[in-house]
């Protein structure tokens, strides 16, 4: 992929049903996460604290692409959670995310944060 074309997104999941309904779908949700890590969409994910939903750091070409990915999450399709996709322009990059960093920004970008 062209690093100049990759955008970064935060996906916020918020549970709208009791945790027992969330827990019923965790195996399916875990498989969804694995598929999207393998596809290269997801970078980091985890539970919110307190346990009211989840957070995923993702990258892709467009917000529509990421919204389409999110729409297939079993937590969303089963109505157990809602989602918000937030696009942002990273101003600084940790070295571990260097493969996403636009060319010419060096070890850590110092433009906008």
Protein backbone atom coordinates (compact mmCIF):
# COMPACT_ATOMS: atom_id res chain seq x y z
CA UNK A 1 0.00 0.00 0.00
CA UNK A 2 0.99 3.62 -0.45
CA UNK A 3 1.67 5.13 3.01
CA UNK A 4 0.47 8.52 1.77
CA UNK A 5 -2.94 6.97 1.09
CA UNK A 6 -3.37 5.26 4.46
CA UNK A 7 -5.55 6.98 7.03
CA UNK A 8 -5.78 6.18 10.73
CA UNK A 9 -9.03 5.65 12.65
CA UNK A 10 -10.23 5.08 16.18
CA UNK A 11 -13.26 2.82 16.42
CA UNK A 12 -15.26 3.22 19.62
CA UNK A 13 -17.72 0.45 20.49
CA UNK A 14 -20.34 1.14 23.17
CA UNK A 15 -22.41 -1.66 24.65
CA UNK A 16 -26.15 -1.00 24.58
CA UNK A 17 -27.21 -4.39 26.01
CA UNK A 18 -26.30 -6.19 29.26
CA UNK A 19 -22.88 -7.81 29.52
CA UNK A 20 -24.36 -11.32 29.41
CA UNK A 21 -25.57 -10.56 25.87
CA UNK A 22 -22.13 -9.17 24.99
CA UNK A 23 -20.42 -12.25 26.44
CA UNK A 24 -22.66 -14.54 24.35
CA UNK A 25 -21.07 -13.02 21.20
CA UNK A 26 -17.42 -12.81 22.32
CA UNK A 27 -16.23 -15.87 20.37
CA UNK A 28 -17.77 -14.48 17.17
CA UNK A 29 -16.39 -11.01 17.91
CA UNK A 30 -12.93 -12.49 18.53
CA UNK A 31 -13.05 -14.26 15.14
CA UNK A 32 -14.08 -10.94 13.53
CA UNK A 33 -11.07 -9.23 15.15
CA UNK A 34 -8.69 -11.97 13.97
CA UNK A 35 -9.99 -11.70 10.38
CA UNK A 36 -9.41 -7.97 10.37
CA UNK A 37 -5.95 -8.19 11.93
CA UNK A 38 -5.09 -10.72 9.21
CA UNK A 39 -6.57 -8.42 6.54
CA UNK A 40 -4.35 -5.59 7.82
CA UNK A 41 -7.16 -3.30 9.00
CA UNK A 42 -6.60 -3.44 12.77
CA UNK A 43 -3.49 -2.39 14.69
CA UNK A 44 -4.54 -2.49 18.37
CA UNK A 45 -7.77 -3.39 20.16
CA UNK A 46 -9.09 -3.86 23.66
CA UNK A 47 -11.85 -3.34 26.21
CA UNK A 48 -12.79 0.04 27.57
CA UNK A 49 -12.28 0.54 31.31
CA UNK A 50 -14.77 0.29 32.88
CA UNK A 51 -16.15 -2.42 30.59
CA UNK A 52 -18.64 -0.35 28.60
CA UNK A 53 -17.38 -1.24 25.11
CA UNK A 54 -14.18 -1.50 23.14
CA UNK A 55 -11.58 0.54 21.28
CA UNK A 56 -9.85 -0.39 18.03
CA UNK A 57 -7.04 1.48 16.29
CA UNK A 58 -7.37 0.83 12.57
CA UNK A 59 -6.04 1.99 9.25
CA UNK A 60 -7.42 1.98 5.74
CA UNK A 61 -7.92 4.03 2.60
CA UNK A 62 -11.24 5.69 3.49
CA UNK A 63 -13.60 6.10 6.40
CA UNK A 64 -16.22 4.29 4.31
CA UNK A 65 -13.91 1.27 4.09
CA UNK A 66 -13.51 1.15 7.87
CA UNK A 67 -17.22 1.74 8.48
CA UNK A 68 -17.96 -1.21 6.17
CA UNK A 69 -15.55 -3.38 8.19
CA UNK A 70 -17.19 -2.28 11.46
CA UNK A 71 -20.66 -3.02 10.10
CA UNK A 72 -19.75 -6.74 9.97
CA UNK A 73 -18.84 -6.97 13.68
CA UNK A 74 -21.25 -9.44 15.33
CA UNK A 75 -21.66 -7.03 18.24
CA UNK A 76 -23.01 -4.49 15.76
CA UNK A 77 -25.05 -6.84 13.57
CA UNK A 78 -26.74 -8.34 16.67
CA UNK A 79 -27.53 -4.88 18.10
CA UNK A 80 -25.46 -5.39 21.26
CA UNK A 81 -23.16 -2.42 20.61
CA UNK A 82 -23.06 0.81 18.65
CA UNK A 83 -19.98 2.19 16.95
CA UNK A 84 -18.32 5.49 16.19
CA UNK A 85 -15.47 5.74 13.67
CA UNK A 86 -13.17 8.73 14.15
CA UNK A 87 -10.57 9.60 11.52
CA UNK A 88 -7.52 11.55 12.60
CA UNK A 89 -4.26 12.80 11.13
CA UNK A 90 -1.35 11.56 13.23
CA UNK A 91 1.19 14.24 13.99
CA UNK A 92 3.66 11.96 15.75
CA UNK A 93 4.48 8.30 15.25
CA UNK A 94 6.03 5.70 17.53
CA UNK A 95 8.78 3.74 15.82
CA UNK A 96 6.62 0.59 15.94
CA UNK A 97 4.15 2.28 13.60
CA UNK A 98 6.83 3.35 11.14
CA UNK A 99 5.33 1.28 8.32
CA UNK A 100 2.33 3.65 8.36
CA UNK A 101 4.34 6.86 8.60
CA UNK A 102 4.27 9.03 5.46
CA UNK A 103 7.62 9.27 3.67
CA UNK A 104 9.90 12.05 4.84
CA UNK A 105 8.66 12.30 8.41
CA UNK A 106 11.64 10.56 9.99
CA UNK A 107 11.54 8.59 13.23
CA UNK A 108 8.85 10.73 14.76
CA UNK A 109 6.89 13.39 12.92
CA UNK A 110 6.90 16.73 14.65
CA UNK A 111 4.34 18.59 12.56
CA UNK A 112 0.87 18.48 14.18
CA UNK A 113 -0.38 16.68 17.26
